[in-house]
Amino acid sequence: MHMIDGISLSVFQVIALGIFVGVTFPPVGMAVAALWVFPVPFIGLLLDGLFIVEIVAAFRLMVGREGFNRILAQRYECFKFVQYITTLVVLSVIYPAYQVLFSIAAGSRYEVLVFLMLPVLKLTMKNLLSLTIPHLEDMLPLEVVFVVDFFNAFYIVTCVQSASSTEAVVTILAIDISQSILELYRLHRRTRSIARKVKQAIGSVDLNHLVLLNAVQNVCEATTCRLKSNTSGQTRKSVVTQILDKCISRNRASVQPLSSILTSARPSSPVDTTQEQSEQLPAKNQPNFLSEALEVIFTSECLVLTEYLEAVIPILYGLYVKVLVNLPSAQYHIELVGTTVDNVDSKLQSVFVYAILEFASLAVLVLVMRKNCGVRALYQLAFVFETQTILVQSKLVTWALITLCFRVVHFGVDFTFKFSWTH
C-alpha cells in the first residue's frame, strides 16, 4: 500500500480483505482440481491471476469508485506497481527452477559451476526489482533485501544441504564470505574518503575512532554559516545543518529522500553568508559531502540486513526440517526425500555449521563496520525492525510460505514438465 499514494486501509479493512480472499480463493482451487486433475500443475501460478482479481475487486468495494479512480489516475505509480508484482512472480519461479538445476548437477563436475550462477542470479534480480521502485528510495533496503536476499539465503542453505561433497560446501561458503569482504572493503574506502573531508573541515579528527553520523554532524556545526537578513539581521542555520537535523532525527519513522530534504531546507529568500573559518569545507561542496555520507549509511544498512538474513535463515530452516521430519506429512515434501528421523542430524550438520559461520561473519561485520567505517550496524538493524515491524514480518512469513509450498507435491511443481500424475 505504501507504493501508491492515496491507499489507506484501516486494520479492520485489512482483516476483512484477508478473510474475503481466504474464504473465496481455496474453493476455486478445489473446484479446478475436482474438474481436472490433482495435483493441478503449478496451481500457484495458474491461479495467480484469479488471486489478484479477487484482491482488486475487494479493494474496489472498500475504497469506492471515487477513491479507486483517484488511484488509477496515478499511472506512473500503478505501472511501477504492476512491474513490481510481475518481478516478484518471476522471482518466485526462477529460484525453484534453479534448485531443480542444482539437484540435477549435484554430485557431478558441474556442481560448483551451477552454484556460481547463484550470485549472478541474485545481482540480476536485485537490479530488476530496484528498477520497479525508483520512487521509493528509502524503502529499497527493505523491499529488495527482504525479498531477493531472502530467496538467495534460503536457496544457499538448500544447496549446502544437498551438496554432495565437502569441497562444494567449502566453495559455497568461500564465495559467500568473499562477497561480504568485497562490500566491506568498498565501504571502508568510501568512509576513509569522507573522513579526510571531515578532517579538512574541522581540522582534527581521530580517523581510528570515527563515528560517521557524529563526524558529519560536527562538520555541519563547524561550517554553520551565519545567515543574516539585510533587514532584520536574523541568524539562521546553514542549509546543510538543517538537512542533517532532518536526516538524523530519532523521532522520525522513516528517512526522507535527499532530494526532497534539500528542497525543503533551502532558504526562502536570498541572504548574505559569511564563513567564520577559512579552513572550512567550501559551502558548495557540503551537499555533495552529505550525499556521500548518506550513501555510505544506505549501503551499510543493506549490507547488515543481508548478513542478518544469511545468519538467521539457516537456523530457521534447520529447525523447520528438524520438526517437519517427525510429522506424517513429511513424505509429501520434496526436500525431505531420503531424510528420516535417524539421519536428519547428519543431513543438517552442514546447514548448522554454515549458520555458525554466518553468525561469526555477522559479528565480524558489525565490529569492522564500527571500527573501520564508523557505522553502528546494530543500531541500523534495530531501527529497521522497530520502524518497519509489520512489513518485515509480513514479507518473511509470506515468502517463507511461498518458498516452502513449491516443495510440496500437492502444488504440482514439476520443472521437467512431464507431469506424470496427469497420465
Protein backbone atom coordinates (compact mmCIF):
# COMPACT_ATOMS: atom_id res chain seq x y z
CA MET A 1 0.00 0.00 0.00
CA HIS A 2 2.97 2.28 0.53
CA MET A 3 3.86 2.05 -3.16
CA ILE A 4 0.90 4.10 -4.37
CA ASP A 5 -0.19 7.37 -2.79
CA GLY A 6 -3.75 7.58 -1.55
CA ILE A 7 -4.11 3.97 -0.42
CA SER A 8 -5.04 3.87 3.22
CA LEU A 9 -6.86 0.92 4.78
CA SER A 10 -7.81 0.52 8.40
CA VAL A 11 -6.89 -2.58 10.37
CA PHE A 12 -10.49 -3.75 10.11
CA GLN A 13 -10.44 -3.37 6.31
CA VAL A 14 -7.18 -5.29 6.01
CA ILE A 15 -8.60 -8.13 8.14
CA ALA A 16 -11.81 -8.13 6.09
CA LEU A 17 -9.79 -8.27 2.87
CA GLY A 18 -7.80 -11.24 4.16
CA ILE A 19 -10.93 -13.09 5.27
CA PHE A 20 -12.64 -12.48 1.92
CA VAL A 21 -9.72 -13.84 -0.10
CA GLY A 22 -9.18 -16.71 2.35
CA VAL A 23 -12.80 -17.81 2.10
CA THR A 24 -13.28 -17.45 -1.67
CA PHE A 25 -9.91 -18.48 -3.12
CA PRO A 26 -9.41 -22.07 -1.81
CA PRO A 27 -12.80 -23.33 -3.09
CA VAL A 28 -11.84 -22.23 -6.60
CA GLY A 29 -8.64 -24.26 -6.42
CA MET A 30 -10.59 -27.25 -5.11
CA ALA A 31 -13.07 -26.94 -7.98
CA VAL A 32 -10.28 -26.83 -10.59
CA ALA A 33 -8.68 -29.94 -9.06
CA ALA A 34 -12.02 -31.78 -8.97
CA LEU A 35 -12.82 -30.99 -12.59
CA TRP A 36 -9.31 -31.56 -13.98
CA VAL A 37 -6.59 -33.37 -12.03
CA PHE A 38 -4.93 -33.32 -8.63
CA PRO A 39 -2.35 -32.02 -8.07
CA VAL A 40 -3.04 -29.23 -10.53
CA PRO A 41 0.23 -28.50 -12.39
CA PHE A 42 1.74 -25.31 -10.98
CA ILE A 43 -1.51 -24.42 -9.27
CA GLY A 44 0.11 -21.46 -7.52
CA LEU A 45 0.98 -19.79 -10.83
CA LEU A 46 -2.17 -20.97 -12.58
CA LEU A 47 -4.44 -19.21 -10.10
CA ASP A 48 -2.29 -16.14 -9.51
CA GLY A 49 -4.41 -14.12 -11.91
CA LEU A 50 -7.60 -15.05 -10.08
CA PHE A 51 -5.97 -14.20 -6.75
CA ILE A 52 -5.06 -10.71 -7.95
CA VAL A 53 -8.54 -10.17 -9.44
CA GLU A 54 -10.15 -11.07 -6.10
CA ILE A 55 -7.93 -8.65 -4.19
CA VAL A 56 -8.56 -5.82 -6.67
CA ALA A 57 -12.33 -6.44 -6.60
CA ALA A 58 -12.44 -6.47 -2.80
CA PHE A 59 -10.28 -3.35 -2.65
CA ARG A 60 -12.58 -1.59 -5.13
CA LEU A 61 -15.57 -2.28 -2.89
CA MET A 62 -13.75 -0.92 0.15
CA VAL A 63 -12.43 2.37 -1.25
CA GLY A 64 -15.36 3.13 -3.51
CA ARG A 65 -15.49 4.31 -7.10
CA GLU A 66 -14.05 7.77 -6.48
CA GLY A 67 -11.12 6.52 -4.42
CA PHE A 68 -10.39 3.74 -6.91
CA ASN A 69 -10.37 6.16 -9.87
CA ARG A 70 -8.10 8.51 -7.94
CA ILE A 71 -5.61 5.70 -7.51
CA LEU A 72 -5.83 4.69 -11.18
CA ALA A 73 -5.08 8.29 -12.12
CA GLN A 74 -1.56 7.80 -10.75
CA ARG A 75 -0.45 5.98 -13.87
CA TYR A 76 3.28 6.01 -13.18
CA GLU A 77 2.94 4.52 -9.69
CA CYS A 78 0.39 1.96 -10.91
CA PHE A 79 2.63 0.95 -13.81
CA LYS A 80 5.61 0.53 -11.50
CA PHE A 81 3.48 -1.46 -9.07
CA VAL A 82 2.48 -3.88 -11.85
CA GLN A 83 6.15 -4.21 -12.78
CA TYR A 84 6.97 -4.89 -9.14
CA ILE A 85 4.36 -7.65 -8.84
CA THR A 86 5.50 -9.20 -12.13
CA THR A 87 9.11 -9.24 -10.93
CA LEU A 88 8.04 -10.96 -7.71
CA VAL A 89 6.23 -13.65 -9.70
CA VAL A 90 9.32 -14.20 -11.84
CA LEU A 91 11.44 -14.34 -8.69
CA SER A 92 9.19 -16.94 -7.07
CA VAL A 93 9.54 -19.17 -10.12
CA ILE A 94 13.17 -18.75 -11.13
CA TYR A 95 14.66 -19.74 -7.77
CA PRO A 96 12.76 -23.06 -7.53
CA ALA A 97 13.79 -23.73 -11.13
CA TYR A 98 17.39 -23.06 -10.13
CA GLN A 99 17.05 -25.53 -7.25
CA VAL A 100 15.97 -28.22 -9.70
CA LEU A 101 19.03 -27.46 -11.84
CA PHE A 102 21.31 -27.69 -8.81
CA SER A 103 19.76 -31.01 -7.78
CA ILE A 104 20.50 -32.39 -11.24
CA ALA A 105 24.08 -31.11 -11.13
CA ALA A 106 24.72 -32.32 -7.55
CA GLY A 107 27.48 -34.91 -7.47
CA SER A 108 28.72 -34.06 -10.95
CA ARG A 109 31.63 -31.91 -12.06
CA TYR A 110 29.17 -29.12 -12.82
CA GLU A 111 28.01 -28.76 -9.21
CA VAL A 112 30.26 -25.82 -8.33
CA LEU A 113 29.70 -24.22 -11.74
CA VAL A 114 25.93 -24.26 -11.21
CA PHE A 115 26.35 -22.75 -7.77
CA LEU A 116 28.36 -19.89 -9.28
CA MET A 117 25.18 -18.93 -11.11
CA LEU A 118 23.52 -18.03 -7.79
CA PRO A 119 25.41 -14.73 -7.17
CA VAL A 120 24.73 -13.70 -10.77
CA LEU A 121 21.05 -14.51 -10.33
CA LYS A 122 20.95 -12.54 -7.09
CA LEU A 123 22.54 -9.45 -8.65
CA THR A 124 20.24 -9.61 -11.68
CA MET A 125 17.07 -9.89 -9.61
CA LYS A 126 18.19 -7.09 -7.28
CA ASN A 127 18.70 -4.76 -10.21
CA LEU A 128 15.37 -5.70 -11.78
CA LEU A 129 13.46 -5.22 -8.53
CA SER A 130 15.20 -1.91 -7.84
CA LEU A 131 14.14 -0.61 -11.26
CA THR A 132 10.48 -1.16 -10.37
CA ILE A 133 10.54 1.11 -7.30
CA PRO A 134 12.78 4.10 -8.17
CA HIS A 135 10.30 6.42 -6.44
CA LEU A 136 10.77 4.63 -3.11
CA GLU A 137 14.46 5.24 -2.44
CA ASP A 138 14.13 4.96 1.34
CA MET A 139 12.32 1.61 1.05
CA LEU A 140 14.90 -0.03 -1.22
CA PRO A 141 16.79 -1.88 1.55
CA LEU A 142 13.56 -3.33 2.92
CA GLU A 143 11.90 -4.10 -0.40
CA VAL A 144 14.98 -5.57 -2.08
CA VAL A 145 16.89 -7.23 0.77
CA PHE A 146 13.87 -8.88 2.40
CA VAL A 147 12.83 -10.30 -0.96
CA VAL A 148 15.85 -11.12 -3.13
CA ASP A 149 18.31 -11.74 -0.30
CA PHE A 150 15.72 -13.86 1.48
CA PHE A 151 15.41 -16.13 -1.55
CA ASN A 152 19.16 -16.14 -2.04
CA ALA A 153 19.86 -17.08 1.59
CA PHE A 154 17.15 -19.74 1.53
CA TYR A 155 18.49 -21.43 -1.58
CA ILE A 156 22.10 -21.17 -0.44
CA VAL A 157 21.05 -23.21 2.59
CA THR A 158 19.30 -25.70 0.33
CA CYS A 159 22.43 -26.01 -1.81
CA VAL A 160 24.55 -26.56 1.30
CA GLN A 161 22.15 -29.28 2.45
CA SER A 162 22.11 -31.10 -0.87
CA ALA A 163 25.78 -30.60 -1.83
CA SER A 164 27.45 -33.94 -2.29
CA SER A 165 30.99 -33.10 -1.21
CA THR A 166 32.89 -31.11 1.40
CA GLU A 167 34.70 -29.26 -1.38
CA ALA A 168 31.40 -27.99 -2.75
CA VAL A 169 30.28 -26.76 0.69
CA VAL A 170 33.62 -25.00 1.24
CA THR A 171 33.34 -23.37 -2.18
CA ILE A 172 29.82 -22.17 -1.40
CA LEU A 173 30.97 -20.66 1.90
CA ALA A 174 34.09 -19.10 0.37
CA ILE A 175 32.13 -17.36 -2.38
CA ASP A 176 29.54 -16.06 0.07
CA ILE A 177 32.12 -14.71 2.53
CA SER A 178 34.25 -13.18 -0.25
CA GLN A 179 31.24 -11.15 -1.38
CA SER A 180 30.87 -9.70 2.12
CA ILE A 181 34.59 -8.91 2.31
CA LEU A 182 34.45 -7.10 -1.03
CA GLU A 183 31.47 -5.00 0.08
CA LEU A 184 33.22 -4.16 3.35
CA TYR A 185 36.34 -3.09 1.51
CA ARG A 186 34.36 -0.75 -0.73
CA LEU A 187 32.53 0.65 2.28
CA HIS A 188 35.82 1.19 4.10
CA ARG A 189 37.33 3.11 1.17
CA ARG A 190 34.34 5.41 0.90
CA THR A 191 34.34 6.03 4.65
CA ARG A 192 38.04 6.94 4.62
CA SER A 193 37.32 9.42 1.85
CA ILE A 194 34.62 11.03 3.98
CA ALA A 195 36.94 11.04 7.00
CA ARG A 196 39.53 13.03 5.05
CA LYS A 197 36.89 15.60 4.19
CA VAL A 198 35.87 15.75 7.84
CA LYS A 199 39.48 16.43 8.80
CA GLN A 200 39.69 19.13 6.15
CA ALA A 201 36.55 20.76 7.50
CA ILE A 202 37.13 20.74 11.26
CA GLY A 203 40.90 20.48 11.39
CA SER A 204 41.28 17.47 13.68
CA VAL A 205 39.59 14.10 13.81
CA ASP A 206 40.66 10.67 15.07
CA LEU A 207 40.28 8.52 11.99
CA ASN A 208 40.62 5.36 14.09
CA HIS A 209 37.61 6.22 16.27
CA LEU A 210 35.33 7.80 13.71
CA VAL A 211 31.56 7.66 14.12
CA LEU A 212 30.17 8.57 10.74
CA LEU A 213 26.98 10.36 11.78
CA ASN A 214 28.75 12.24 14.57
CA ALA A 215 31.51 13.28 12.17
CA VAL A 216 29.04 14.61 9.63
CA GLN A 217 27.21 16.47 12.37
CA ASN A 218 30.48 18.03 13.55
CA VAL A 219 31.22 19.21 10.02
CA CYS A 220 27.83 20.81 9.74
CA GLU A 221 28.24 22.53 13.11
CA ALA A 222 31.76 23.69 12.27
CA THR A 223 30.69 25.04 8.89
CA THR A 224 27.47 26.64 10.09
CA CYS A 225 27.03 29.86 8.19
CA ARG A 226 25.67 32.92 9.90
CA LEU A 227 22.80 33.80 7.61
CA LYS A 228 21.87 37.39 8.28
CA SER A 229 18.97 39.13 6.67
CA ASN A 230 19.73 42.56 5.24
CA THR A 231 16.73 44.00 7.10
CA SER A 232 16.45 42.17 10.40
CA GLY A 233 19.87 40.62 10.97
CA GLN A 234 18.23 37.32 11.92
CA THR A 235 20.67 34.41 12.40
CA ARG A 236 19.87 31.06 10.75
CA LYS A 237 21.47 27.67 10.49
CA SER A 238 23.16 26.64 7.27
CA VAL A 239 21.26 24.61 4.72
CA VAL A 240 23.39 21.52 5.41
CA THR A 241 22.77 21.74 9.15
CA GLN A 242 19.03 21.83 8.52
CA ILE A 243 19.34 18.81 6.24
CA LEU A 244 21.30 16.84 8.83
CA ASP A 245 18.83 17.71 11.57
CA LYS A 246 16.08 16.19 9.45
CA CYS A 247 18.09 13.14 8.43
CA ILE A 248 19.23 12.00 11.89
CA SER A 249 16.17 12.90 13.92
CA ARG A 250 15.48 9.96 16.21
CA ASN A 251 11.76 10.67 16.28
CA ARG A 252 11.14 10.09 12.59
CA ALA A 253 9.71 6.76 11.47
CA SER A 254 11.44 6.96 8.09
CA VAL A 255 14.07 8.99 6.31
CA GLN A 256 13.00 11.35 3.57
CA PRO A 257 14.65 11.22 0.14
CA LEU A 258 17.64 13.54 -0.06
CA SER A 259 16.18 15.49 -2.96
CA SER A 260 13.01 16.41 -1.06
CA ILE A 261 15.01 17.35 2.03
CA LEU A 262 17.31 19.58 0.01
CA THR A 263 14.30 21.35 -1.47
CA SER A 264 12.56 21.90 1.86
CA ALA A 265 15.75 23.06 3.57
CA ARG A 266 16.54 25.75 1.02
CA PRO A 267 16.21 29.34 2.30
CA SER A 268 13.05 31.04 1.09
CA SER A 269 14.78 34.34 0.33
CA PRO A 270 18.29 35.41 -0.73
CA VAL A 271 20.64 36.02 2.19
CA ASP A 272 24.25 37.02 2.71
CA THR A 273 26.64 34.37 4.03
CA THR A 274 29.96 34.71 5.80
CA GLN A 275 32.29 31.94 6.84
CA GLU A 276 33.96 32.16 10.18
CA GLN A 277 36.88 29.89 9.38
CA SER A 278 38.88 29.89 6.18
CA GLU A 279 39.87 26.28 6.51
CA GLN A 280 36.29 25.01 6.46
CA LEU A 281 34.84 22.83 3.71
CA PRO A 282 33.53 25.04 0.88
CA ALA A 283 29.80 25.57 1.25
CA LYS A 284 29.13 24.50 -2.34
CA ASN A 285 30.64 21.07 -1.58
CA GLN A 286 28.60 20.49 1.57
CA PRO A 287 25.51 18.93 -0.10
CA ASN A 288 27.77 16.55 -2.08
CA PHE A 289 29.62 15.64 1.09
CA LEU A 290 26.37 14.91 2.93
CA SER A 291 25.03 12.91 0.00
CA GLU A 292 28.20 10.80 0.03
CA ALA A 293 27.80 10.12 3.74
CA LEU A 294 24.14 9.17 3.34
CA GLU A 295 25.06 6.77 0.54
CA VAL A 296 27.55 5.04 2.85
CA ILE A 297 24.89 4.71 5.55
CA PHE A 298 22.44 3.39 2.95
CA THR A 299 24.95 0.79 1.73
CA SER A 300 25.81 -0.28 5.26
CA GLU A 301 22.12 -0.79 6.03
CA CYS A 302 21.72 -3.08 3.00
CA LEU A 303 24.85 -4.98 3.97
CA VAL A 304 23.89 -5.61 7.59
CA LEU A 305 20.35 -6.66 6.63
CA THR A 306 21.75 -9.14 4.12
CA GLU A 307 24.18 -10.59 6.65
CA TYR A 308 21.41 -10.85 9.23
CA LEU A 309 19.21 -12.84 6.86
CA GLU A 310 22.08 -15.10 5.85
CA ALA A 311 22.73 -15.83 9.53
CA VAL A 312 19.12 -16.36 10.62
CA ILE A 313 17.67 -18.28 7.65
CA PRO A 314 19.92 -21.38 8.12
CA ILE A 315 18.85 -21.65 11.77
CA LEU A 316 15.16 -21.31 10.93
CA TYR A 317 15.41 -23.76 8.04
CA GLY A 318 17.31 -26.31 10.12
CA LEU A 319 14.72 -26.15 12.91
CA TYR A 320 11.94 -26.39 10.33
CA VAL A 321 13.38 -29.58 8.85
CA LYS A 322 14.09 -30.99 12.30
CA VAL A 323 10.43 -30.60 13.29
CA LEU A 324 8.91 -31.49 9.92
CA VAL A 325 10.71 -34.81 9.59
CA ASN A 326 8.77 -36.07 12.62
CA LEU A 327 5.37 -35.29 11.10
CA PRO A 328 3.30 -37.68 8.92
CA SER A 329 3.18 -35.04 6.16
CA ALA A 330 6.97 -35.21 5.72
CA GLN A 331 6.52 -37.74 2.91
CA TYR A 332 4.97 -35.04 0.72
CA HIS A 333 7.89 -32.63 0.98
CA ILE A 334 10.34 -32.91 -1.89
CA GLU A 335 13.31 -31.55 0.07
CA LEU A 336 12.95 -34.37 2.62
CA VAL A 337 13.42 -37.18 0.12
CA GLY A 338 15.96 -39.53 1.70
CA THR A 339 15.76 -37.75 5.07
CA THR A 340 14.48 -39.70 8.06
CA VAL A 341 14.37 -39.29 11.82
CA ASP A 342 17.53 -41.41 12.04
CA ASN A 343 19.70 -39.46 9.59
CA VAL A 344 18.27 -35.93 9.89
CA ASP A 345 21.07 -34.80 12.22
CA SER A 346 23.79 -35.78 9.78
CA LYS A 347 21.83 -34.20 6.90
CA LEU A 348 21.60 -30.90 8.77
CA GLN A 349 25.16 -30.86 10.07
CA SER A 350 26.47 -28.76 7.19
CA VAL A 351 23.48 -26.39 7.49
CA PHE A 352 24.16 -25.63 11.16
CA VAL A 353 27.90 -25.28 10.51
CA TYR A 354 27.02 -22.78 7.80
CA ALA A 355 24.75 -20.95 10.27
CA ILE A 356 27.55 -20.70 12.85
CA LEU A 357 29.93 -19.32 10.22
CA GLU A 358 27.33 -16.78 9.10
CA PHE A 359 26.75 -15.60 12.67
CA ALA A 360 30.51 -15.24 13.05
CA SER A 361 30.55 -13.31 9.78
CA LEU A 362 27.78 -11.04 11.09
CA ALA A 363 29.70 -10.38 14.31
CA VAL A 364 32.88 -9.57 12.39
CA LEU A 365 30.89 -7.33 10.06
CA VAL A 366 29.45 -5.35 12.99
CA LEU A 367 32.89 -4.93 14.58
CA VAL A 368 34.64 -3.99 11.34
CA MET A 369 31.93 -1.51 10.36
CA ARG A 370 32.16 0.09 13.79
CA LYS A 371 35.97 0.26 13.84
CA ASN A 372 36.87 0.92 10.21
CA CYS A 373 33.74 2.58 8.83
CA GLY A 374 32.39 4.43 11.84
CA VAL A 375 28.92 2.89 11.37
CA ARG A 376 26.91 1.31 14.20
CA ALA A 377 25.39 -1.60 12.28
CA LEU A 378 23.29 -2.97 15.15
CA TYR A 379 21.61 0.42 15.57
CA GLN A 380 20.66 0.35 11.91
CA LEU A 381 19.32 -3.19 12.23
CA ALA A 382 17.28 -2.25 15.29
CA PHE A 383 15.97 0.86 13.54
CA VAL A 384 14.61 -1.17 10.61
CA PHE A 385 12.94 -3.73 12.87
CA GLU A 386 11.47 -1.06 15.13
CA THR A 387 10.06 1.21 12.44
CA GLN A 388 9.08 -1.41 9.82
CA THR A 389 7.93 -4.28 12.03
CA ILE A 390 4.77 -5.12 10.10
CA LEU A 391 6.46 -5.02 6.69
CA VAL A 392 9.38 -7.16 7.86
CA GLN A 393 7.16 -9.79 9.47
CA SER A 394 4.72 -9.92 6.56
CA LYS A 395 7.49 -10.31 3.99
CA LEU A 396 9.30 -13.04 5.91
CA VAL A 397 6.11 -15.04 6.55
CA THR A 398 4.77 -14.59 3.00
CA TRP A 399 7.98 -15.56 1.21
CA ALA A 400 8.65 -18.45 3.59
CA LEU A 401 5.20 -19.90 2.84
CA ILE A 402 5.56 -19.41 -0.91
CA THR A 403 9.06 -20.90 -0.97
CA LEU A 404 8.10 -23.93 1.08
CA CYS A 405 4.89 -24.51 -0.89
CA PHE A 406 6.93 -25.04 -4.05
CA ARG A 407 8.42 -28.07 -2.29
CA VAL A 408 5.11 -29.80 -1.50
CA VAL A 409 3.83 -32.27 -4.11
CA HIS A 410 0.25 -31.02 -3.71
CA PHE A 411 1.18 -27.80 -5.51
CA GLY A 412 2.05 -29.66 -8.71
CA VAL A 413 5.53 -28.22 -9.19
CA ASP A 414 7.40 -30.16 -11.88
CA PHE A 415 10.10 -28.31 -13.79
CA THR A 416 10.64 -31.34 -16.04
CA PHE A 417 7.16 -30.53 -17.38
CA LYS A 418 6.30 -34.22 -17.68
CA PHE A 419 3.50 -34.14 -15.08
CA SER A 420 3.45 -37.92 -14.87
CA TRP A 421 0.46 -37.99 -12.49
CA THR A 422 -1.79 -36.49 -15.20
CA HIS A 423 -1.44 -39.52 -17.49
